[in-house]
Amino acid sequence: MTAWLKCDISKGMFPDEFTVQIKGRTPILSFFAPSELVRPTKDAIRCEIVQTENGTTTVVLPIRPYEQASRVIQVPTTEVESA
């Protein structure tokens, strides 16, 4: 299921690109994303929900963060909004 993950969004290096930072995790995850994957006014990135259990949601990010080898992360369920 497609959803929106709360994060910090700022302008990227190119006009159609944004910098994404997912905080509240160790390490902070970051990557560049094309404009069609972000909602800059809501500070959110599109993701896919894999599972929700005990207040934690497992999501697949659209782009692999620089800080880890996988696009799959776990976040608090309160940080995810259904699309």
PDB file of N, CA and C in Angstrom:
ATOM      1  N   MET A   1       0.839  -1.172   0.000  1.00  0.00           N
ATOM      2  CA  MET A   1       0.000   0.000   0.000  1.00  0.00           C
ATOM      3  C   MET A   1       0.889   1.243   0.000  1.00  0.00           C
ATOM      4  N   THR A   2       0.574   2.173  -0.858  1.00  0.00           N
ATOM      5  CA  THR A   2       1.335   3.422  -0.944  1.00  0.00           C
ATOM      6  C   THR A   2       0.982   4.334   0.227  1.00  0.00           C
ATOM      7  N   ALA A   3       1.992   5.004   0.757  1.00  0.00           N
ATOM      8  CA  ALA A   3       1.802   5.905   1.890  1.00  0.00           C
ATOM      9  C   ALA A   3       2.800   7.057   1.790  1.00  0.00           C
ATOM     10  N   TRP A   4       2.716   7.986   2.739  1.00  0.00           N
ATOM     11  CA  TRP A   4       3.643   9.112   2.826  1.00  0.00           C
ATOM     12  C   TRP A   4       4.353   9.056   4.172  1.00  0.00           C
ATOM     13  N   LEU A   5       5.677   9.108   4.143  1.00  0.00           N
ATOM     14  CA  LEU A   5       6.498   9.068   5.342  1.00  0.00           C
ATOM     15  C   LEU A   5       6.976  10.483   5.665  1.00  0.00           C
ATOM     16  N   LYS A   6       6.747  10.911   6.900  1.00  0.00           N
ATOM     17  CA  LYS A   6       7.196  12.233   7.323  1.00  0.00           C
ATOM     18  C   LYS A   6       8.720  12.290   7.349  1.00  0.00           C
ATOM     19  N   CYS A   7       9.270  13.397   6.873  1.00  0.00           N
ATOM     20  CA  CYS A   7      10.726  13.576   6.836  1.00  0.00           C
ATOM     21  C   CYS A   7      11.024  15.055   6.627  1.00  0.00           C
ATOM     22  N   ASP A   8      12.284  15.409   6.582  1.00  0.00           N
ATOM     23  CA  ASP A   8      12.682  16.783   6.281  1.00  0.00           C
ATOM     24  C   ASP A   8      13.002  16.860   4.793  1.00  0.00           C
ATOM     25  N   ILE A   9      12.376  17.810   4.117  1.00  0.00           N
ATOM     26  CA  ILE A   9      12.558  18.004   2.681  1.00  0.00           C
ATOM     27  C   ILE A   9      13.173  19.377   2.453  1.00  0.00           C
ATOM     28  N   SER A  10      14.206  19.427   1.623  1.00  0.00           N
ATOM     29  CA  SER A  10      14.782  20.718   1.216  1.00  0.00           C
ATOM     30  C   SER A  10      15.176  20.621  -0.255  1.00  0.00           C
ATOM     31  N   LYS A  11      15.461  21.756  -0.849  1.00  0.00           N
ATOM     32  CA  LYS A  11      15.844  21.788  -2.269  1.00  0.00           C
ATOM     33  C   LYS A  11      17.113  20.981  -2.492  1.00  0.00           C
ATOM     34  N   GLY A  12      17.150  20.292  -3.617  1.00  0.00           N
ATOM     35  CA  GLY A  12      18.333  19.531  -3.999  1.00  0.00           C
ATOM     36  C   GLY A  12      19.245  20.357  -4.885  1.00  0.00           C
ATOM     37  N   MET A  13      20.154  19.686  -5.569  1.00  0.00           N
ATOM     38  CA  MET A  13      21.108  20.373  -6.436  1.00  0.00           C
ATOM     39  C   MET A  13      20.486  20.802  -7.761  1.00  0.00           C
ATOM     40  N   PHE A  14      19.450  20.114  -8.195  1.00  0.00           N
ATOM     41  CA  PHE A  14      18.807  20.399  -9.473  1.00  0.00           C
ATOM     42  C   PHE A  14      17.379  20.881  -9.247  1.00  0.00           C
ATOM     43  N   PRO A  15      16.799  21.605 -10.201  1.00  0.00           N
ATOM     44  CA  PRO A  15      15.463  22.179 -10.019  1.00  0.00           C
ATOM     45  C   PRO A  15      14.360  21.158  -9.737  1.00  0.00           C
ATOM     46  N   ASP A  16      14.472  19.948 -10.263  1.00  0.00           N
ATOM     47  CA  ASP A  16      13.430  18.944 -10.085  1.00  0.00           C
ATOM     48  C   ASP A  16      13.817  17.886  -9.043  1.00  0.00           C
ATOM     49  N   GLU A  17      14.677  18.264  -8.090  1.00  0.00           N
ATOM     50  CA  GLU A  17      15.212  17.319  -7.110  1.00  0.00           C
ATOM     51  C   GLU A  17      15.114  17.896  -5.706  1.00  0.00           C
ATOM     52  N   PHE A  18      14.925  17.015  -4.740  1.00  0.00           N
ATOM     53  CA  PHE A  18      14.869  17.410  -3.338  1.00  0.00           C
ATOM     54  C   PHE A  18      15.830  16.554  -2.521  1.00  0.00           C
ATOM     55  N   THR A  19      16.313  17.123  -1.416  1.00  0.00           N
ATOM     56  CA  THR A  19      17.094  16.386  -0.438  1.00  0.00           C
ATOM     57  C   THR A  19      16.125  15.894   0.627  1.00  0.00           C
ATOM     58  N   VAL A  20      16.215  14.617   0.960  1.00  0.00           N
ATOM     59  CA  VAL A  20      15.327  14.010   1.948  1.00  0.00           C
ATOM     60  C   VAL A  20      16.165  13.535   3.130  1.00  0.00           C
ATOM     61  N   GLN A  21      15.720  13.858   4.350  1.00  0.00           N
ATOM     62  CA  GLN A  21      16.364  13.357   5.563  1.00  0.00           C
ATOM     63  C   GLN A  21      15.295  12.752   6.454  1.00  0.00           C
ATOM     64  N   ILE A  22      15.520  11.505   6.850  1.00  0.00           N
ATOM     65  CA  ILE A  22      14.611  10.828   7.758  1.00  0.00           C
ATOM     66  C   ILE A  22      15.292  10.812   9.119  1.00  0.00           C
ATOM     67  N   LYS A  23      14.764  11.622  10.045  1.00  0.00           N
ATOM     68  CA  LYS A  23      15.383  11.769  11.368  1.00  0.00           C
ATOM     69  C   LYS A  23      14.693  10.854  12.371  1.00  0.00           C
ATOM     70  N   GLY A  24      15.176  10.870  13.592  1.00  0.00           N
ATOM     71  CA  GLY A  24      14.600  10.031  14.625  1.00  0.00           C
ATOM     72  C   GLY A  24      15.114   8.601  14.549  1.00  0.00           C
ATOM     73  N   ARG A  25      16.124   8.396  13.745  1.00  0.00           N
ATOM     74  CA  ARG A  25      16.747   7.084  13.577  1.00  0.00           C
ATOM     75  C   ARG A  25      18.252   7.260  13.741  1.00  0.00           C
ATOM     76  N   THR A  26      18.923   6.196  14.064  1.00  0.00           N
ATOM     77  CA  THR A  26      20.375   6.217  14.100  1.00  0.00           C
ATOM     78  C   THR A  26      20.868   5.198  13.094  1.00  0.00           C
ATOM     79  N   PRO A  27      21.546   5.594  12.066  1.00  0.00           N
ATOM     80  CA  PRO A  27      21.866   6.978  11.706  1.00  0.00           C
ATOM     81  C   PRO A  27      20.674   7.663  11.035  1.00  0.00           C
ATOM     82  N   ILE A  28      20.776   8.992  10.925  1.00  0.00           N
ATOM     83  CA  ILE A  28      19.817   9.733  10.108  1.00  0.00           C
ATOM     84  C   ILE A  28      20.000   9.253   8.684  1.00  0.00           C
ATOM     85  N   LEU A  29      18.900   9.007   7.983  1.00  0.00           N
ATOM     86  CA  LEU A  29      18.988   8.535   6.601  1.00  0.00           C
ATOM     87  C   LEU A  29      18.777   9.697   5.650  1.00  0.00           C
ATOM     88  N   SER A  30      19.525   9.730   4.555  1.00  0.00           N
ATOM     89  CA  SER A  30      19.396  10.831   3.606  1.00  0.00           C
ATOM     90  C   SER A  30      19.594  10.341   2.181  1.00  0.00           C
ATOM     91  N   PHE A  31      18.941  11.047   1.253  1.00  0.00           N
ATOM     92  CA  PHE A  31      19.081  10.748  -0.173  1.00  0.00           C
ATOM     93  C   PHE A  31      18.461  11.877  -0.979  1.00  0.00           C
ATOM     94  N   PHE A  32      18.744  11.898  -2.273  1.00  0.00           N
ATOM     95  CA  PHE A  32      18.109  12.837  -3.194  1.00  0.00           C
ATOM     96  C   PHE A  32      16.943  12.126  -3.859  1.00  0.00           C
ATOM     97  N   ALA A  33      15.847  12.857  -4.084  1.00  0.00           N
ATOM     98  CA  ALA A  33      14.664  12.258  -4.699  1.00  0.00           C
ATOM     99  C   ALA A  33      14.079  13.205  -5.741  1.00  0.00           C
ATOM    100  N   PRO A  34      13.572  12.660  -6.847  1.00  0.00           N
ATOM    101  CA  PRO A  34      12.914  13.510  -7.846  1.00  0.00           C
ATOM    102  C   PRO A  34      11.614  14.080  -7.287  1.00  0.00           C
ATOM    103  N   SER A  35      11.193  15.186  -7.828  1.00  0.00           N
ATOM    104  CA  SER A  35      10.042  15.913  -7.300  1.00  0.00           C
ATOM    105  C   SER A  35       8.750  15.107  -7.276  1.00  0.00           C
ATOM    106  N   GLU A  36       8.585  14.129  -8.180  1.00  0.00           N
ATOM    107  CA  GLU A  36       7.339  13.357  -8.201  1.00  0.00           C
ATOM    108  C   GLU A  36       7.212  12.402  -7.008  1.00  0.00           C
ATOM    109  N   LEU A  37       8.276  12.218  -6.232  1.00  0.00           N
ATOM    110  CA  LEU A  37       8.223  11.317  -5.075  1.00  0.00           C
ATOM    111  C   LEU A  37       8.034  12.041  -3.748  1.00  0.00           C
ATOM    112  N   VAL A  38       8.035  13.373  -3.761  1.00  0.00           N
ATOM    113  CA  VAL A  38       7.957  14.118  -2.504  1.00  0.00           C
ATOM    114  C   VAL A  38       6.760  15.055  -2.469  1.00  0.00           C
ATOM    115  N   ARG A  39       6.367  15.381  -1.264  1.00  0.00           N
ATOM    116  CA  ARG A  39       5.380  16.425  -0.992  1.00  0.00           C
ATOM    117  C   ARG A  39       6.095  17.473  -0.139  1.00  0.00           C
ATOM    118  N   PRO A  40       6.740  18.437  -0.777  1.00  0.00           N
ATOM    119  CA  PRO A  40       7.532  19.393   0.002  1.00  0.00           C
ATOM    120  C   PRO A  40       6.705  20.223   0.977  1.00  0.00           C
ATOM    121  N   THR A  41       5.454  20.503   0.657  1.00  0.00           N
ATOM    122  CA  THR A  41       4.621  21.306   1.559  1.00  0.00           C
ATOM    123  C   THR A  41       4.182  20.516   2.784  1.00  0.00           C
ATOM    124  N   LYS A  42       4.231  19.200   2.719  1.00  0.00           N
ATOM    125  CA  LYS A  42       3.846  18.350   3.847  1.00  0.00           C
ATOM    126  C   LYS A  42       5.054  17.647   4.464  1.00  0.00           C
ATOM    127  N   ASP A  43       6.249  17.912   3.930  1.00  0.00           N
ATOM    128  CA  ASP A  43       7.476  17.250   4.401  1.00  0.00           C
ATOM    129  C   ASP A  43       7.287  15.737   4.447  1.00  0.00           C
ATOM    130  N   ALA A  44       7.046  15.156   3.270  1.00  0.00           N
ATOM    131  CA  ALA A  44       6.814  13.711   3.204  1.00  0.00           C
ATOM    132  C   ALA A  44       7.363  13.130   1.898  1.00  0.00           C
ATOM    133  N   ILE A  45       7.760  11.868   1.975  1.00  0.00           N
ATOM    134  CA  ILE A  45       8.254  11.111   0.817  1.00  0.00           C
ATOM    135  C   ILE A  45       7.332   9.906   0.610  1.00  0.00           C
ATOM    136  N   ARG A  46       7.079   9.571  -0.635  1.00  0.00           N
ATOM    137  CA  ARG A  46       6.239   8.414  -0.932  1.00  0.00           C
ATOM    138  C   ARG A  46       6.996   7.128  -0.575  1.00  0.00           C
ATOM    139  N   CYS A  47       6.271   6.168  -0.028  1.00  0.00           N
ATOM    140  CA  CYS A  47       6.853   4.880   0.336  1.00  0.00           C
ATOM    141  C   CYS A  47       5.794   3.791   0.192  1.00  0.00           C
ATOM    142  N   GLU A  48       6.197   2.569   0.377  1.00  0.00           N
ATOM    143  CA  GLU A  48       5.271   1.426   0.344  1.00  0.00           C
ATOM    144  C   GLU A  48       5.277   0.760   1.717  1.00  0.00           C
ATOM    145  N   ILE A  49       4.084   0.557   2.282  1.00  0.00           N
ATOM    146  CA  ILE A  49       3.976  -0.116   3.572  1.00  0.00           C
ATOM    147  C   ILE A  49       4.079  -1.626   3.358  1.00  0.00           C
ATOM    148  N   VAL A  50       4.938  -2.257   4.155  1.00  0.00           N
ATOM    149  CA  VAL A  50       5.094  -3.702   4.111  1.00  0.00           C
ATOM    150  C   VAL A  50       4.295  -4.342   5.241  1.00  0.00           C
ATOM    151  N   GLN A  51       4.428  -3.772   6.453  1.00  0.00           N
ATOM    152  CA  GLN A  51       3.787  -4.350   7.624  1.00  0.00           C
ATOM    153  C   GLN A  51       3.658  -3.299   8.714  1.00  0.00           C
ATOM    154  N   THR A  52       2.578  -3.396   9.490  1.00  0.00           N
ATOM    155  CA  THR A  52       2.399  -2.551  10.662  1.00  0.00           C
ATOM    156  C   THR A  52       2.112  -3.453  11.853  1.00  0.00           C
ATOM    157  N   GLU A  53       2.896  -3.258  12.929  1.00  0.00           N
ATOM    158  CA  GLU A  53       2.740  -4.114  14.103  1.00  0.00           C
ATOM    159  C   GLU A  53       3.294  -3.412  15.342  1.00  0.00           C
ATOM    160  N   ASN A  54       2.509  -3.399  16.396  1.00  0.00           N
ATOM    161  CA  ASN A  54       2.947  -2.860  17.697  1.00  0.00           C
ATOM    162  C   ASN A  54       3.498  -1.443  17.606  1.00  0.00           C
ATOM    163  N   GLY A  55       2.853  -0.578  16.846  1.00  0.00           N
ATOM    164  CA  GLY A  55       3.276   0.816  16.758  1.00  0.00           C
ATOM    165  C   GLY A  55       4.454   1.070  15.842  1.00  0.00           C
ATOM    166  N   THR A  56       4.909   0.039  15.127  1.00  0.00           N
ATOM    167  CA  THR A  56       6.018   0.176  14.192  1.00  0.00           C
ATOM    168  C   THR A  56       5.554  -0.236  12.800  1.00  0.00           C
ATOM    169  N   THR A  57       5.935   0.548  11.820  1.00  0.00           N
ATOM    170  CA  THR A  57       5.588   0.245  10.438  1.00  0.00           C
ATOM    171  C   THR A  57       6.861   0.007   9.645  1.00  0.00           C
ATOM    172  N   THR A  58       6.880  -1.073   8.898  1.00  0.00           N
ATOM    173  CA  THR A  58       7.992  -1.376   8.001  1.00  0.00           C
ATOM    174  C   THR A  58       7.624  -0.835   6.628  1.00  0.00           C
ATOM    175  N   VAL A  59       8.497   0.006   6.069  1.00  0.00           N
ATOM    176  CA  VAL A  59       8.237   0.615   4.768  1.00  0.00           C
ATOM    177  C   VAL A  59       9.413   0.368   3.823  1.00  0.00           C
ATOM    178  N   VAL A  60       9.115   0.462   2.536  1.00  0.00           N
ATOM    179  CA  VAL A  60      10.148   0.418   1.507  1.00  0.00           C
ATOM    180  C   VAL A  60      10.255   1.822   0.928  1.00  0.00           C
ATOM    181  N   LEU A  61      11.425   2.412   1.037  1.00  0.00           N
ATOM    182  CA  LEU A  61      11.664   3.746   0.492  1.00  0.00           C
ATOM    183  C   LEU A  61      11.808   3.657  -1.026  1.00  0.00           C
ATOM    184  N   PRO A  62      11.508   4.732  -1.746  1.00  0.00           N
ATOM    185  CA  PRO A  62      11.639   4.697  -3.204  1.00  0.00           C
ATOM    186  C   PRO A  62      13.086   4.706  -3.685  1.00  0.00           C
ATOM    187  N   ILE A  63      13.997   5.148  -2.816  1.00  0.00           N
ATOM    188  CA  ILE A  63      15.415   5.270  -3.160  1.00  0.00           C
ATOM    189  C   ILE A  63      16.231   4.789  -1.965  1.00  0.00           C
ATOM    190  N   ARG A  64      17.342   4.110  -2.224  1.00  0.00           N
ATOM    191  CA  ARG A  64      18.192   3.626  -1.142  1.00  0.00           C
ATOM    192  C   ARG A  64      18.936   4.786  -0.489  1.00  0.00           C
ATOM    193  N   PRO A  65      18.857   4.896   0.836  1.00  0.00           N
ATOM    194  CA  PRO A  65      19.604   5.937   1.540  1.00  0.00           C
ATOM    195  C   PRO A  65      21.108   5.692   1.429  1.00  0.00           C
ATOM    196  N   TYR A  66      21.873   6.764   1.532  1.00  0.00           N
ATOM    197  CA  TYR A  66      23.330   6.653   1.460  1.00  0.00           C
ATOM    198  C   TYR A  66      23.903   5.879   2.640  1.00  0.00           C
ATOM    199  N   GLU A  67      23.228   5.912   3.785  1.00  0.00           N
ATOM    200  CA  GLU A  67      23.782   5.363   5.014  1.00  0.00           C
ATOM    201  C   GLU A  67      23.566   3.857   5.209  1.00  0.00           C
ATOM    202  N   GLN A  68      22.785   3.214   4.338  1.00  0.00           N
ATOM    203  CA  GLN A  68      22.567   1.774   4.502  1.00  0.00           C
ATOM    204  C   GLN A  68      22.330   1.101   3.153  1.00  0.00           C
ATOM    205  N   ALA A  69      22.451  -0.216   3.137  1.00  0.00           N
ATOM    206  CA  ALA A  69      22.370  -0.974   1.887  1.00  0.00           C
ATOM    207  C   ALA A  69      20.947  -1.332   1.480  1.00  0.00           C
ATOM    208  N   SER A  70      19.980  -1.126   2.361  1.00  0.00           N
ATOM    209  CA  SER A  70      18.604  -1.537   2.083  1.00  0.00           C
ATOM    210  C   SER A  70      17.662  -0.335   2.019  1.00  0.00           C
ATOM    211  N   ARG A  71      16.603  -0.476   1.227  1.00  0.00           N
ATOM    212  CA  ARG A  71      15.553   0.545   1.171  1.00  0.00           C
ATOM    213  C   ARG A  71      14.463   0.279   2.204  1.00  0.00           C
ATOM    214  N   VAL A  72      14.529  -0.864   2.893  1.00  0.00           N
ATOM    215  CA  VAL A  72      13.520  -1.247   3.882  1.00  0.00           C
ATOM    216  C   VAL A  72      13.927  -0.709   5.252  1.00  0.00           C
ATOM    217  N   ILE A  73      13.009   0.036   5.896  1.00  0.00           N
ATOM    218  CA  ILE A  73      13.279   0.581   7.225  1.00  0.00           C
ATOM    219  C   ILE A  73      12.039   0.424   8.094  1.00  0.00           C
ATOM    220  N   GLN A  74      12.237   0.541   9.398  1.00  0.00           N
ATOM    221  CA  GLN A  74      11.133   0.545  10.343  1.00  0.00           C
ATOM    222  C   GLN A  74      11.031   1.929  10.949  1.00  0.00           C
ATOM    223  N   VAL A  75       9.799   2.419  11.046  1.00  0.00           N
ATOM    224  CA  VAL A  75       9.551   3.747  11.587  1.00  0.00           C
ATOM    225  C   VAL A  75       8.333   3.678  12.504  1.00  0.00           C
ATOM    226  N   PRO A  76       8.178   4.664  13.408  1.00  0.00           N
ATOM    227  CA  PRO A  76       6.958   4.697  14.211  1.00  0.00           C
ATOM    228  C   PRO A  76       5.741   4.859  13.288  1.00  0.00           C
ATOM    229  N   THR A  77       4.681   4.165  13.602  1.00  0.00           N
ATOM    230  CA  THR A  77       3.462   4.223  12.786  1.00  0.00           C
ATOM    231  C   THR A  77       2.922   5.650  12.694  1.00  0.00           C
ATOM    232  N   THR A  78       3.157   6.462  13.702  1.00  0.00           N
ATOM    233  CA  THR A  78       2.678   7.840  13.689  1.00  0.00           C
ATOM    234  C   THR A  78       3.357   8.695  12.616  1.00  0.00           C
ATOM    235  N   GLU A  79       4.485   8.211  12.065  1.00  0.00           N
ATOM    236  CA  GLU A  79       5.211   8.950  11.032  1.00  0.00           C
ATOM    237  C   GLU A  79       4.734   8.626   9.623  1.00  0.00           C
ATOM    238  N   VAL A  80       3.763   7.713   9.492  1.00  0.00           N
ATOM    239  CA  VAL A  80       3.292   7.259   8.181  1.00  0.00           C
ATOM    240  C   VAL A  80       1.825   7.645   7.997  1.00  0.00           C
ATOM    241  N   GLU A  81       1.514   8.211   6.830  1.00  0.00           N
ATOM    242  CA  GLU A  81       0.148   8.599   6.497  1.00  0.00           C
ATOM    243  C   GLU A  81      -0.266   7.885   5.213  1.00  0.00           C
ATOM    244  N   SER A  82      -1.413   7.240   5.240  1.00  0.00           N
ATOM    245  CA  SER A  82      -1.894   6.537   4.043  1.00  0.00           C
ATOM    246  C   SER A  82      -2.096   7.515   2.895  1.00  0.00           C
ATOM    247  N   ALA A  83      -1.809   7.051   1.701  1.00  0.00           N
ATOM    248  CA  ALA A  83      -1.946   7.913   0.510  1.00  0.00           C
ATOM    249  C   ALA A  83      -3.387   7.969   0.054  1.00  0.00           C
TER     250      ALA A  83
END
